[in-house]
Amino acid sequence: MFFGTGIGEFLSSYSFLKSLLTKGPAMASPLAFQNSVHNAAPGHLSMAFGLRGPSETLCAGELTVLRTFERAMTYVLANEQPALVLLGDDLGADSEQGWRLAGVTAALAEGAAAFLLAPPRSGTRQLSLVDARKDDPLRMPLWPGEVDGVRVIGCAEGLFLTAEAQVLAQAFSSGEAVRIGFRGDRVALELTAAH
């Protein structure tokens, strides 16, 4: 299981730190603290569903979706085993205020998405990493449009990772080909169309 979160359990962390500040160390909420660790969510899922395989939590800001899929795809190829990719962010009044104070003006949202990746087989849809090199500017995947018959999505700066996750989820369910570019990185995720 590979769990990607742009900000982790922000509300749990905020709750714990608020109780620590207002009530002191002796009265700080241990229940809030246990969920403030970034890998708490996949830990809870592992216990609830009896998952015993490896698990990894990734938190890489705007590149979280890309880095989470990179790690999961590497695992699938190296082990010839399926991998579950979970992506999620939460948003509350406190986290929204924090983003605004940090200067983020983009639309903020919360959500989650899950993907099951399997070893590649012929005749199935393929998810791949596309390297957009400097000598191939037409393949630079940062702006909306179409390249080689593939719809290209440029993700706006500051959006939560679930924006990219929702685009991928819609492409998976519709059978459409899509390429998602990430600001500040020359690698894109590309999903082939259903045959």
N, C-alpha and C. Protein backbone atom coordinates (compact mmCIF):
# COMPACT_ATOMS: atom_id res chain seq x y z
N MET A 1 0.85 -1.18 0.00
CA MET A 1 0.00 0.00 0.00
C MET A 1 0.89 1.23 0.00
N PHE A 2 0.56 2.17 -0.88
CA PHE A 2 1.29 3.43 -0.97
C PHE A 2 0.28 4.55 -0.74
N PHE A 3 0.47 5.28 0.34
CA PHE A 3 -0.46 6.34 0.74
C PHE A 3 0.20 7.69 0.51
N GLY A 4 -0.42 8.53 -0.31
CA GLY A 4 0.10 9.86 -0.59
C GLY A 4 -0.81 10.91 -0.01
N THR A 5 -0.24 11.84 0.72
CA THR A 5 -1.01 12.94 1.28
C THR A 5 -0.19 14.22 1.19
N GLY A 6 -0.81 15.25 0.66
CA GLY A 6 -0.09 16.51 0.50
C GLY A 6 0.23 17.19 1.82
N ILE A 7 -0.65 17.03 2.81
CA ILE A 7 -0.45 17.73 4.09
C ILE A 7 -0.58 16.83 5.31
N GLY A 8 -0.89 15.56 5.13
CA GLY A 8 -1.04 14.67 6.27
C GLY A 8 -2.34 14.94 7.00
N GLU A 9 -2.40 14.47 8.22
CA GLU A 9 -3.60 14.65 9.05
C GLU A 9 -3.54 16.02 9.70
N PHE A 10 -3.81 17.04 8.92
CA PHE A 10 -3.66 18.42 9.42
C PHE A 10 -4.56 18.68 10.62
N LEU A 11 -5.83 18.29 10.52
CA LEU A 11 -6.77 18.60 11.61
C LEU A 11 -6.39 17.90 12.90
N SER A 12 -5.91 16.65 12.82
CA SER A 12 -5.46 15.95 14.02
C SER A 12 -4.24 16.64 14.62
N SER A 13 -3.30 17.02 13.76
CA SER A 13 -2.10 17.71 14.24
C SER A 13 -2.47 19.03 14.89
N TYR A 14 -3.36 19.77 14.25
CA TYR A 14 -3.79 21.07 14.80
C TYR A 14 -4.48 20.86 16.15
N SER A 15 -5.35 19.86 16.23
CA SER A 15 -6.06 19.58 17.49
C SER A 15 -5.08 19.26 18.62
N PHE A 16 -4.10 18.40 18.29
CA PHE A 16 -3.13 18.03 19.31
C PHE A 16 -2.31 19.24 19.76
N LEU A 17 -1.80 20.01 18.81
CA LEU A 17 -0.97 21.17 19.18
C LEU A 17 -1.78 22.22 19.93
N LYS A 18 -3.04 22.39 19.57
CA LYS A 18 -3.90 23.34 20.27
C LYS A 18 -4.12 22.89 21.72
N SER A 19 -4.39 21.59 21.92
CA SER A 19 -4.58 21.09 23.29
C SER A 19 -3.28 21.18 24.08
N LEU A 20 -2.15 20.96 23.44
CA LEU A 20 -0.86 21.07 24.11
C LEU A 20 -0.61 22.51 24.55
N LEU A 21 -0.92 23.46 23.68
CA LEU A 21 -0.71 24.87 23.98
C LEU A 21 -1.68 25.38 25.05
N THR A 22 -2.95 25.01 24.93
CA THR A 22 -3.96 25.57 25.84
C THR A 22 -4.07 24.83 27.17
N LYS A 23 -3.78 23.52 27.19
CA LYS A 23 -3.96 22.72 28.41
C LYS A 23 -2.65 22.26 29.04
N GLY A 24 -1.56 22.41 28.30
CA GLY A 24 -0.27 21.97 28.82
C GLY A 24 -0.01 20.51 28.51
N PRO A 25 1.26 20.07 28.68
CA PRO A 25 1.65 18.71 28.33
C PRO A 25 0.85 17.63 29.06
N ALA A 26 0.50 17.86 30.31
CA ALA A 26 -0.20 16.83 31.08
C ALA A 26 -1.63 16.60 30.58
N MET A 27 -2.22 17.58 29.95
CA MET A 27 -3.61 17.46 29.51
C MET A 27 -3.77 17.44 27.97
N ALA A 28 -2.67 17.38 27.25
CA ALA A 28 -2.75 17.34 25.78
C ALA A 28 -3.44 16.05 25.35
N SER A 29 -4.18 16.12 24.28
CA SER A 29 -4.99 14.98 23.83
C SER A 29 -4.15 13.89 23.16
N PRO A 30 -4.02 12.73 23.82
CA PRO A 30 -3.28 11.62 23.19
C PRO A 30 -4.03 11.03 22.00
N LEU A 31 -5.36 11.12 21.99
CA LEU A 31 -6.13 10.61 20.86
C LEU A 31 -5.85 11.42 19.60
N ALA A 32 -5.74 12.72 19.74
CA ALA A 32 -5.41 13.56 18.58
C ALA A 32 -3.98 13.29 18.11
N PHE A 33 -3.07 13.07 19.06
CA PHE A 33 -1.67 12.85 18.68
C PHE A 33 -1.51 11.58 17.85
N GLN A 34 -2.21 10.51 18.22
CA GLN A 34 -2.01 9.25 17.50
C GLN A 34 -2.35 9.35 16.02
N ASN A 35 -3.22 10.27 15.65
CA ASN A 35 -3.56 10.43 14.24
C ASN A 35 -2.79 11.56 13.57
N SER A 36 -1.91 12.23 14.31
CA SER A 36 -1.17 13.33 13.71
C SER A 36 0.04 12.84 12.91
N VAL A 37 0.40 11.58 13.06
CA VAL A 37 1.52 11.01 12.32
C VAL A 37 1.03 10.70 10.90
N HIS A 38 1.81 11.06 9.88
CA HIS A 38 1.38 10.92 8.49
C HIS A 38 0.97 9.50 8.11
N ASN A 39 1.63 8.49 8.68
CA ASN A 39 1.29 7.13 8.28
C ASN A 39 0.24 6.49 9.20
N ALA A 40 -0.49 7.29 9.97
CA ALA A 40 -1.55 6.76 10.82
C ALA A 40 -2.70 6.21 9.97
N ALA A 41 -3.11 6.92 8.93
CA ALA A 41 -4.24 6.48 8.10
C ALA A 41 -3.99 5.11 7.47
N PRO A 42 -2.84 4.88 6.81
CA PRO A 42 -2.62 3.54 6.26
C PRO A 42 -2.48 2.48 7.36
N GLY A 43 -1.98 2.88 8.52
CA GLY A 43 -1.90 1.94 9.64
C GLY A 43 -3.28 1.48 10.07
N HIS A 44 -4.22 2.43 10.17
CA HIS A 44 -5.60 2.08 10.53
C HIS A 44 -6.21 1.16 9.47
N LEU A 45 -5.97 1.47 8.17
CA LEU A 45 -6.50 0.62 7.09
C LEU A 45 -5.90 -0.78 7.14
N SER A 46 -4.60 -0.87 7.40
CA SER A 46 -3.95 -2.17 7.50
C SER A 46 -4.56 -3.02 8.60
N MET A 47 -4.81 -2.40 9.75
CA MET A 47 -5.42 -3.15 10.85
C MET A 47 -6.85 -3.53 10.53
N ALA A 48 -7.63 -2.61 9.95
CA ALA A 48 -9.05 -2.87 9.67
C ALA A 48 -9.24 -3.98 8.63
N PHE A 49 -8.35 -4.04 7.63
CA PHE A 49 -8.52 -5.01 6.55
C PHE A 49 -7.53 -6.17 6.60
N GLY A 50 -6.70 -6.22 7.66
CA GLY A 50 -5.75 -7.31 7.80
C GLY A 50 -4.66 -7.31 6.74
N LEU A 51 -4.29 -6.14 6.27
CA LEU A 51 -3.22 -6.04 5.26
C LEU A 51 -1.87 -6.25 5.94
N ARG A 52 -1.09 -7.17 5.43
CA ARG A 52 0.17 -7.51 6.08
C ARG A 52 1.40 -7.20 5.23
N GLY A 53 1.18 -6.67 4.04
CA GLY A 53 2.30 -6.36 3.15
C GLY A 53 2.96 -5.04 3.50
N PRO A 54 3.97 -4.66 2.74
CA PRO A 54 4.66 -3.39 3.00
C PRO A 54 3.73 -2.20 2.77
N SER A 55 4.04 -1.13 3.45
CA SER A 55 3.26 0.10 3.33
C SER A 55 4.21 1.28 3.39
N GLU A 56 3.88 2.31 2.63
CA GLU A 56 4.74 3.49 2.60
C GLU A 56 3.86 4.73 2.50
N THR A 57 4.21 5.75 3.26
CA THR A 57 3.49 7.02 3.20
C THR A 57 4.39 8.06 2.57
N LEU A 58 3.83 8.80 1.62
CA LEU A 58 4.60 9.84 0.94
C LEU A 58 3.91 11.17 1.10
N CYS A 59 4.70 12.19 1.37
CA CYS A 59 4.19 13.54 1.52
C CYS A 59 5.21 14.45 0.82
N ALA A 60 4.86 14.90 -0.41
CA ALA A 60 5.81 15.67 -1.21
C ALA A 60 5.17 16.91 -1.80
N GLY A 61 4.27 17.54 -1.03
CA GLY A 61 3.64 18.76 -1.49
C GLY A 61 2.96 18.58 -2.83
N GLU A 62 3.20 19.49 -3.77
CA GLU A 62 2.55 19.45 -5.08
C GLU A 62 2.94 18.24 -5.91
N LEU A 63 4.02 17.56 -5.56
CA LEU A 63 4.47 16.39 -6.32
C LEU A 63 4.06 15.08 -5.66
N THR A 64 3.17 15.13 -4.68
CA THR A 64 2.80 13.92 -3.94
C THR A 64 2.19 12.85 -4.84
N VAL A 65 1.27 13.23 -5.73
CA VAL A 65 0.65 12.23 -6.61
C VAL A 65 1.72 11.56 -7.48
N LEU A 66 2.57 12.37 -8.09
CA LEU A 66 3.63 11.83 -8.94
C LEU A 66 4.55 10.90 -8.16
N ARG A 67 5.04 11.35 -7.02
CA ARG A 67 5.99 10.54 -6.24
C ARG A 67 5.33 9.25 -5.71
N THR A 68 4.06 9.32 -5.35
CA THR A 68 3.37 8.12 -4.84
C THR A 68 3.23 7.09 -5.96
N PHE A 69 2.82 7.53 -7.14
CA PHE A 69 2.71 6.59 -8.26
C PHE A 69 4.08 6.07 -8.67
N GLU A 70 5.12 6.91 -8.65
CA GLU A 70 6.47 6.44 -8.98
C GLU A 70 6.87 5.30 -8.07
N ARG A 71 6.67 5.48 -6.77
CA ARG A 71 7.06 4.44 -5.80
C ARG A 71 6.23 3.17 -5.99
N ALA A 72 4.92 3.32 -6.20
CA ALA A 72 4.07 2.14 -6.38
C ALA A 72 4.42 1.41 -7.67
N MET A 73 4.65 2.15 -8.75
CA MET A 73 4.99 1.52 -10.02
C MET A 73 6.33 0.79 -9.93
N THR A 74 7.28 1.37 -9.23
CA THR A 74 8.57 0.72 -9.02
C THR A 74 8.40 -0.59 -8.27
N TYR A 75 7.56 -0.56 -7.23
CA TYR A 75 7.30 -1.77 -6.44
C TYR A 75 6.67 -2.85 -7.32
N VAL A 76 5.65 -2.49 -8.11
CA VAL A 76 4.96 -3.45 -8.97
C VAL A 76 5.93 -4.09 -9.95
N LEU A 77 6.76 -3.27 -10.60
CA LEU A 77 7.70 -3.79 -11.59
C LEU A 77 8.79 -4.66 -10.94
N ALA A 78 9.27 -4.25 -9.78
CA ALA A 78 10.35 -4.99 -9.12
C ALA A 78 9.87 -6.31 -8.52
N ASN A 79 8.63 -6.33 -8.04
CA ASN A 79 8.13 -7.51 -7.32
C ASN A 79 7.09 -8.32 -8.09
N GLU A 80 6.64 -7.79 -9.23
CA GLU A 80 5.59 -8.43 -10.01
C GLU A 80 4.37 -8.76 -9.14
N GLN A 81 4.06 -7.83 -8.25
CA GLN A 81 2.92 -7.94 -7.34
C GLN A 81 2.09 -6.67 -7.48
N PRO A 82 0.78 -6.75 -7.23
CA PRO A 82 -0.05 -5.54 -7.29
C PRO A 82 0.24 -4.60 -6.12
N ALA A 83 -0.13 -3.36 -6.30
CA ALA A 83 0.03 -2.35 -5.24
C ALA A 83 -1.22 -1.48 -5.19
N LEU A 84 -1.62 -1.14 -3.99
CA LEU A 84 -2.74 -0.24 -3.77
C LEU A 84 -2.20 1.16 -3.56
N VAL A 85 -2.70 2.12 -4.36
CA VAL A 85 -2.33 3.52 -4.21
C VAL A 85 -3.52 4.27 -3.63
N LEU A 86 -3.32 4.92 -2.50
CA LEU A 86 -4.35 5.72 -1.86
C LEU A 86 -3.86 7.16 -1.81
N LEU A 87 -4.72 8.10 -2.18
CA LEU A 87 -4.37 9.51 -2.15
C LEU A 87 -5.46 10.25 -1.40
N GLY A 88 -5.07 11.13 -0.48
CA GLY A 88 -6.10 11.86 0.25
C GLY A 88 -5.58 13.09 0.95
N ASP A 89 -6.44 14.07 1.04
CA ASP A 89 -6.19 15.30 1.79
C ASP A 89 -7.46 15.68 2.52
N ASP A 90 -7.31 16.26 3.68
CA ASP A 90 -8.48 16.79 4.37
C ASP A 90 -8.39 18.31 4.38
N LEU A 91 -9.53 18.94 4.49
CA LEU A 91 -9.58 20.40 4.50
C LEU A 91 -10.62 20.84 5.51
N GLY A 92 -10.21 21.69 6.40
CA GLY A 92 -11.13 22.28 7.37
C GLY A 92 -10.84 23.77 7.43
N ALA A 93 -11.61 24.46 8.26
CA ALA A 93 -11.44 25.91 8.37
C ALA A 93 -10.01 26.27 8.79
N ASP A 94 -9.43 25.49 9.70
CA ASP A 94 -8.08 25.80 10.19
C ASP A 94 -7.02 25.58 9.11
N SER A 95 -7.11 24.47 8.38
CA SER A 95 -6.11 24.23 7.33
C SER A 95 -6.28 25.21 6.18
N GLU A 96 -7.54 25.54 5.85
CA GLU A 96 -7.77 26.52 4.78
C GLU A 96 -7.17 27.87 5.16
N GLN A 97 -7.37 28.27 6.41
CA GLN A 97 -6.80 29.55 6.87
C GLN A 97 -5.28 29.50 6.78
N GLY A 98 -4.69 28.37 7.14
CA GLY A 98 -3.23 28.23 7.06
C GLY A 98 -2.72 28.37 5.64
N TRP A 99 -3.42 27.73 4.67
CA TRP A 99 -3.02 27.85 3.28
C TRP A 99 -3.14 29.30 2.80
N ARG A 100 -4.21 29.97 3.19
CA ARG A 100 -4.41 31.37 2.77
C ARG A 100 -3.33 32.27 3.37
N LEU A 101 -2.99 32.05 4.65
CA LEU A 101 -1.93 32.84 5.28
C LEU A 101 -0.58 32.58 4.63
N ALA A 102 -0.41 31.39 4.06
CA ALA A 102 0.84 31.06 3.37
C ALA A 102 0.87 31.62 1.95
N GLY A 103 -0.22 32.28 1.53
CA GLY A 103 -0.24 32.91 0.21
C GLY A 103 -0.82 32.08 -0.90
N VAL A 104 -1.39 30.91 -0.58
CA VAL A 104 -2.00 30.07 -1.61
C VAL A 104 -3.37 30.64 -1.95
N THR A 105 -3.57 30.99 -3.21
CA THR A 105 -4.84 31.58 -3.64
C THR A 105 -5.66 30.63 -4.49
N ALA A 106 -5.11 29.47 -4.85
CA ALA A 106 -5.82 28.50 -5.70
C ALA A 106 -7.00 27.91 -4.95
N ALA A 107 -7.92 27.33 -5.71
CA ALA A 107 -9.07 26.66 -5.10
C ALA A 107 -8.57 25.49 -4.26
N LEU A 108 -9.13 25.34 -3.07
CA LEU A 108 -8.75 24.26 -2.17
C LEU A 108 -9.91 23.29 -2.07
N ALA A 109 -9.59 22.01 -1.96
CA ALA A 109 -10.63 20.99 -1.85
C ALA A 109 -10.07 19.81 -1.08
N GLU A 110 -10.97 18.94 -0.66
CA GLU A 110 -10.52 17.71 -0.01
C GLU A 110 -11.12 16.53 -0.75
N GLY A 111 -10.55 15.39 -0.52
CA GLY A 111 -11.08 14.20 -1.16
C GLY A 111 -10.09 13.07 -1.06
N ALA A 112 -10.46 11.95 -1.67
CA ALA A 112 -9.60 10.77 -1.65
C ALA A 112 -9.86 9.96 -2.92
N ALA A 113 -8.89 9.18 -3.29
CA ALA A 113 -9.03 8.28 -4.44
C ALA A 113 -8.14 7.07 -4.20
N ALA A 114 -8.54 5.94 -4.75
CA ALA A 114 -7.76 4.71 -4.61
C ALA A 114 -7.59 4.07 -5.99
N PHE A 115 -6.42 3.48 -6.21
CA PHE A 115 -6.10 2.82 -7.48
C PHE A 115 -5.38 1.52 -7.17
N LEU A 116 -5.72 0.47 -7.89
CA LEU A 116 -5.02 -0.80 -7.76
C LEU A 116 -4.17 -0.99 -9.01
N LEU A 117 -2.85 -1.03 -8.83
CA LEU A 117 -1.93 -1.20 -9.95
C LEU A 117 -1.49 -2.66 -10.00
N ALA A 118 -1.46 -3.22 -11.20
CA ALA A 118 -1.04 -4.61 -11.38
C ALA A 118 0.13 -4.64 -12.35
N PRO A 119 0.89 -5.74 -12.35
CA PRO A 119 1.98 -5.85 -13.34
C PRO A 119 1.41 -5.71 -14.75
N PRO A 120 2.17 -5.06 -15.66
CA PRO A 120 1.67 -4.83 -17.02
C PRO A 120 1.42 -6.13 -17.78
N ARG A 121 0.31 -6.15 -18.52
CA ARG A 121 -0.02 -7.27 -19.40
C ARG A 121 -0.48 -6.67 -20.73
N SER A 122 -0.25 -7.39 -21.80
CA SER A 122 -0.68 -6.87 -23.10
C SER A 122 -2.21 -6.82 -23.14
N GLY A 123 -2.72 -5.80 -23.81
CA GLY A 123 -4.16 -5.64 -23.93
C GLY A 123 -4.81 -4.90 -22.78
N THR A 124 -4.03 -4.49 -21.78
CA THR A 124 -4.60 -3.74 -20.66
C THR A 124 -4.13 -2.29 -20.73
N ARG A 125 -4.83 -1.43 -20.05
CA ARG A 125 -4.43 -0.02 -20.00
C ARG A 125 -3.12 0.09 -19.23
N GLN A 126 -2.29 1.01 -19.68
CA GLN A 126 -0.98 1.17 -19.06
C GLN A 126 -0.85 2.56 -18.45
N LEU A 127 -0.32 2.60 -17.24
CA LEU A 127 0.04 3.85 -16.60
C LEU A 127 1.55 3.95 -16.67
N SER A 128 2.05 5.05 -17.20
CA SER A 128 3.50 5.17 -17.34
C SER A 128 3.97 6.56 -16.98
N LEU A 129 5.27 6.66 -16.75
CA LEU A 129 5.91 7.94 -16.52
C LEU A 129 6.47 8.42 -17.85
N VAL A 130 6.17 9.65 -18.21
CA VAL A 130 6.64 10.23 -19.46
C VAL A 130 7.72 11.24 -19.12
N ASP A 131 8.87 11.09 -19.74
CA ASP A 131 9.98 12.01 -19.53
C ASP A 131 9.94 13.08 -20.62
N ALA A 132 9.63 14.30 -20.23
CA ALA A 132 9.57 15.41 -21.19
C ALA A 132 10.91 16.14 -21.16
N ARG A 133 11.81 15.73 -22.02
CA ARG A 133 13.17 16.29 -22.02
C ARG A 133 13.20 17.67 -22.69
N LYS A 134 14.27 18.41 -22.39
CA LYS A 134 14.42 19.75 -22.97
C LYS A 134 14.45 19.72 -24.49
N ASP A 135 14.98 18.63 -25.08
CA ASP A 135 15.07 18.58 -26.54
C ASP A 135 13.75 18.12 -27.19
N ASP A 136 12.69 17.98 -26.40
CA ASP A 136 11.39 17.57 -26.92
C ASP A 136 10.31 18.47 -26.32
N PRO A 137 10.33 19.79 -26.66
CA PRO A 137 9.42 20.73 -26.00
C PRO A 137 7.94 20.45 -26.25
N LEU A 138 7.61 19.75 -27.36
CA LEU A 138 6.20 19.47 -27.63
C LEU A 138 5.60 18.50 -26.63
N ARG A 139 6.45 17.75 -25.94
CA ARG A 139 5.95 16.78 -24.98
C ARG A 139 5.96 17.34 -23.56
N MET A 140 6.29 18.61 -23.40
CA MET A 140 6.31 19.20 -22.06
C MET A 140 4.88 19.25 -21.54
N PRO A 141 4.57 18.53 -20.48
CA PRO A 141 3.18 18.33 -20.08
C PRO A 141 2.65 19.31 -19.04
N LEU A 142 2.93 20.60 -19.19
CA LEU A 142 2.51 21.53 -18.14
C LEU A 142 1.26 22.33 -18.47
N TRP A 143 0.80 22.32 -19.71
CA TRP A 143 -0.34 23.15 -20.06
C TRP A 143 -1.44 22.30 -20.68
N PRO A 144 -2.70 22.72 -20.49
CA PRO A 144 -3.80 21.96 -21.09
C PRO A 144 -3.69 21.96 -22.61
N GLY A 145 -4.19 20.91 -23.23
CA GLY A 145 -4.16 20.78 -24.67
C GLY A 145 -4.15 19.32 -25.06
N GLU A 146 -3.52 19.02 -26.19
CA GLU A 146 -3.44 17.63 -26.63
C GLU A 146 -2.09 17.39 -27.26
N VAL A 147 -1.45 16.29 -26.93
CA VAL A 147 -0.16 15.90 -27.48
C VAL A 147 -0.29 14.45 -27.93
N ASP A 148 0.01 14.19 -29.18
CA ASP A 148 -0.05 12.82 -29.72
C ASP A 148 -1.41 12.17 -29.45
N GLY A 149 -2.50 12.93 -29.54
CA GLY A 149 -3.83 12.38 -29.33
C GLY A 149 -4.20 12.13 -27.88
N VAL A 150 -3.38 12.60 -26.96
CA VAL A 150 -3.63 12.40 -25.52
C VAL A 150 -4.00 13.73 -24.90
N ARG A 151 -5.09 13.75 -24.15
CA ARG A 151 -5.48 14.97 -23.45
C ARG A 151 -4.45 15.27 -22.37
N VAL A 152 -3.96 16.50 -22.36
CA VAL A 152 -2.93 16.90 -21.39
C VAL A 152 -3.57 17.82 -20.35
N ILE A 153 -3.34 17.49 -19.10
CA ILE A 153 -3.86 18.29 -17.98
C ILE A 153 -2.68 18.96 -17.30
N GLY A 154 -2.72 20.26 -17.18
CA GLY A 154 -1.70 20.98 -16.42
C GLY A 154 -2.28 21.31 -15.06
N CYS A 155 -1.64 20.84 -14.00
CA CYS A 155 -2.20 21.05 -12.67
C CYS A 155 -1.78 22.42 -12.14
N ALA A 156 -2.75 23.16 -11.68
CA ALA A 156 -2.50 24.52 -11.19
C ALA A 156 -1.68 24.50 -9.91
N GLU A 157 -0.87 25.50 -9.75
CA GLU A 157 -0.04 25.60 -8.55
C GLU A 157 -0.91 25.77 -7.32
N GLY A 158 -0.57 25.03 -6.26
CA GLY A 158 -1.24 25.21 -4.99
C GLY A 158 -2.44 24.32 -4.77
N LEU A 159 -2.90 23.60 -5.80
CA LEU A 159 -4.06 22.73 -5.60
C LEU A 159 -3.69 21.53 -4.74
N PHE A 160 -4.67 21.00 -4.04
CA PHE A 160 -4.44 19.79 -3.27
C PHE A 160 -4.24 18.63 -4.22
N LEU A 161 -3.55 17.60 -3.77
CA LEU A 161 -3.23 16.48 -4.63
C LEU A 161 -4.47 15.76 -5.14
N THR A 162 -5.59 15.90 -4.48
CA THR A 162 -6.77 15.18 -4.93
C THR A 162 -7.29 15.71 -6.26
N ALA A 163 -6.86 16.88 -6.70
CA ALA A 163 -7.25 17.37 -8.03
C ALA A 163 -6.68 16.43 -9.10
N GLU A 164 -5.40 16.10 -9.01
CA GLU A 164 -4.80 15.16 -9.96
C GLU A 164 -5.40 13.77 -9.81
N ALA A 165 -5.66 13.36 -8.57
CA ALA A 165 -6.23 12.04 -8.32
C ALA A 165 -7.61 11.92 -8.96
N GLN A 166 -8.40 12.97 -8.90
CA GLN A 166 -9.74 12.91 -9.50
C GLN A 166 -9.67 12.86 -11.02
N VAL A 167 -8.72 13.59 -11.62
CA VAL A 167 -8.54 13.52 -13.07
C VAL A 167 -8.18 12.09 -13.48
N LEU A 168 -7.26 11.46 -12.74
CA LEU A 168 -6.89 10.08 -13.05
C LEU A 168 -8.06 9.13 -12.86
N ALA A 169 -8.81 9.30 -11.77
CA ALA A 169 -9.96 8.42 -11.50
C ALA A 169 -10.98 8.52 -12.62
N GLN A 170 -11.25 9.74 -13.09
CA GLN A 170 -12.21 9.92 -14.18
C GLN A 170 -11.70 9.28 -15.48
N ALA A 171 -10.39 9.42 -15.73
CA ALA A 171 -9.81 8.83 -16.94
C ALA A 171 -9.86 7.30 -16.87
N PHE A 172 -9.59 6.74 -15.67
CA PHE A 172 -9.67 5.29 -15.50
C PHE A 172 -11.07 4.80 -15.81
N SER A 173 -12.08 5.48 -15.27
CA SER A 173 -13.45 5.01 -15.44
C SER A 173 -14.00 5.27 -16.84
N SER A 174 -13.52 6.30 -17.52
CA SER A 174 -14.04 6.63 -18.86
C SER A 174 -13.32 5.89 -19.98
N GLY A 175 -12.16 5.33 -19.69
CA GLY A 175 -11.39 4.66 -20.73
C GLY A 175 -10.56 5.60 -21.57
N GLU A 176 -10.51 6.88 -21.18
CA GLU A 176 -9.83 7.92 -21.95
C GLU A 176 -8.32 7.91 -21.68
N ALA A 177 -7.55 8.39 -22.64
CA ALA A 177 -6.11 8.59 -22.46
C ALA A 177 -5.91 9.97 -21.87
N VAL A 178 -4.99 10.08 -20.92
CA VAL A 178 -4.74 11.37 -20.28
C VAL A 178 -3.28 11.45 -19.85
N ARG A 179 -2.74 12.64 -19.89
CA ARG A 179 -1.39 12.89 -19.38
C ARG A 179 -1.48 14.04 -18.38
N ILE A 180 -0.91 13.84 -17.20
CA ILE A 180 -0.94 14.87 -16.17
C ILE A 180 0.47 15.37 -15.92
N GLY A 181 0.67 16.67 -16.10
CA GLY A 181 1.96 17.28 -15.85
C GLY A 181 2.00 17.89 -14.47
N PHE A 182 3.20 18.02 -13.93
CA PHE A 182 3.39 18.55 -12.58
C PHE A 182 4.33 19.73 -12.63
N ARG A 183 3.89 20.85 -12.12
CA ARG A 183 4.68 22.07 -12.12
C ARG A 183 6.00 21.82 -11.39
N GLY A 184 7.08 22.21 -12.04
CA GLY A 184 8.39 22.07 -11.41
C GLY A 184 9.03 20.71 -11.63
N ASP A 185 8.41 19.84 -12.40
CA ASP A 185 8.99 18.52 -12.67
C ASP A 185 8.81 18.22 -14.15
N ARG A 186 9.78 17.56 -14.75
CA ARG A 186 9.70 17.27 -16.18
C ARG A 186 9.10 15.89 -16.44
N VAL A 187 8.56 15.25 -15.43
CA VAL A 187 7.95 13.94 -15.59
C VAL A 187 6.44 14.09 -15.49
N ALA A 188 5.73 13.33 -16.31
CA ALA A 188 4.26 13.34 -16.27
C ALA A 188 3.78 11.90 -16.12
N LEU A 189 2.56 11.77 -15.63
CA LEU A 189 1.89 10.46 -15.61
C LEU A 189 1.03 10.37 -16.85
N GLU A 190 1.10 9.26 -17.55
CA GLU A 190 0.28 9.08 -18.74
C GLU A 190 -0.47 7.77 -18.65
N LEU A 191 -1.77 7.83 -18.86
CA LEU A 191 -2.65 6.67 -18.87
C LEU A 191 -3.11 6.44 -20.29
N THR A 192 -2.87 5.24 -20.82
CA THR A 192 -3.28 4.95 -22.20
C THR A 192 -4.80 4.73 -22.25
N ALA A 193 -5.36 4.90 -23.43
CA ALA A 193 -6.80 4.71 -23.61
C ALA A 193 -7.14 3.23 -23.59
N ALA A 194 -8.40 2.93 -23.25
CA ALA A 194 -8.87 1.55 -23.28
C ALA A 194 -8.95 1.07 -24.72
N HIS A 195 -8.62 -0.19 -24.95
CA HIS A 195 -8.64 -0.76 -26.32
C HIS A 195 -9.94 -1.48 -26.55
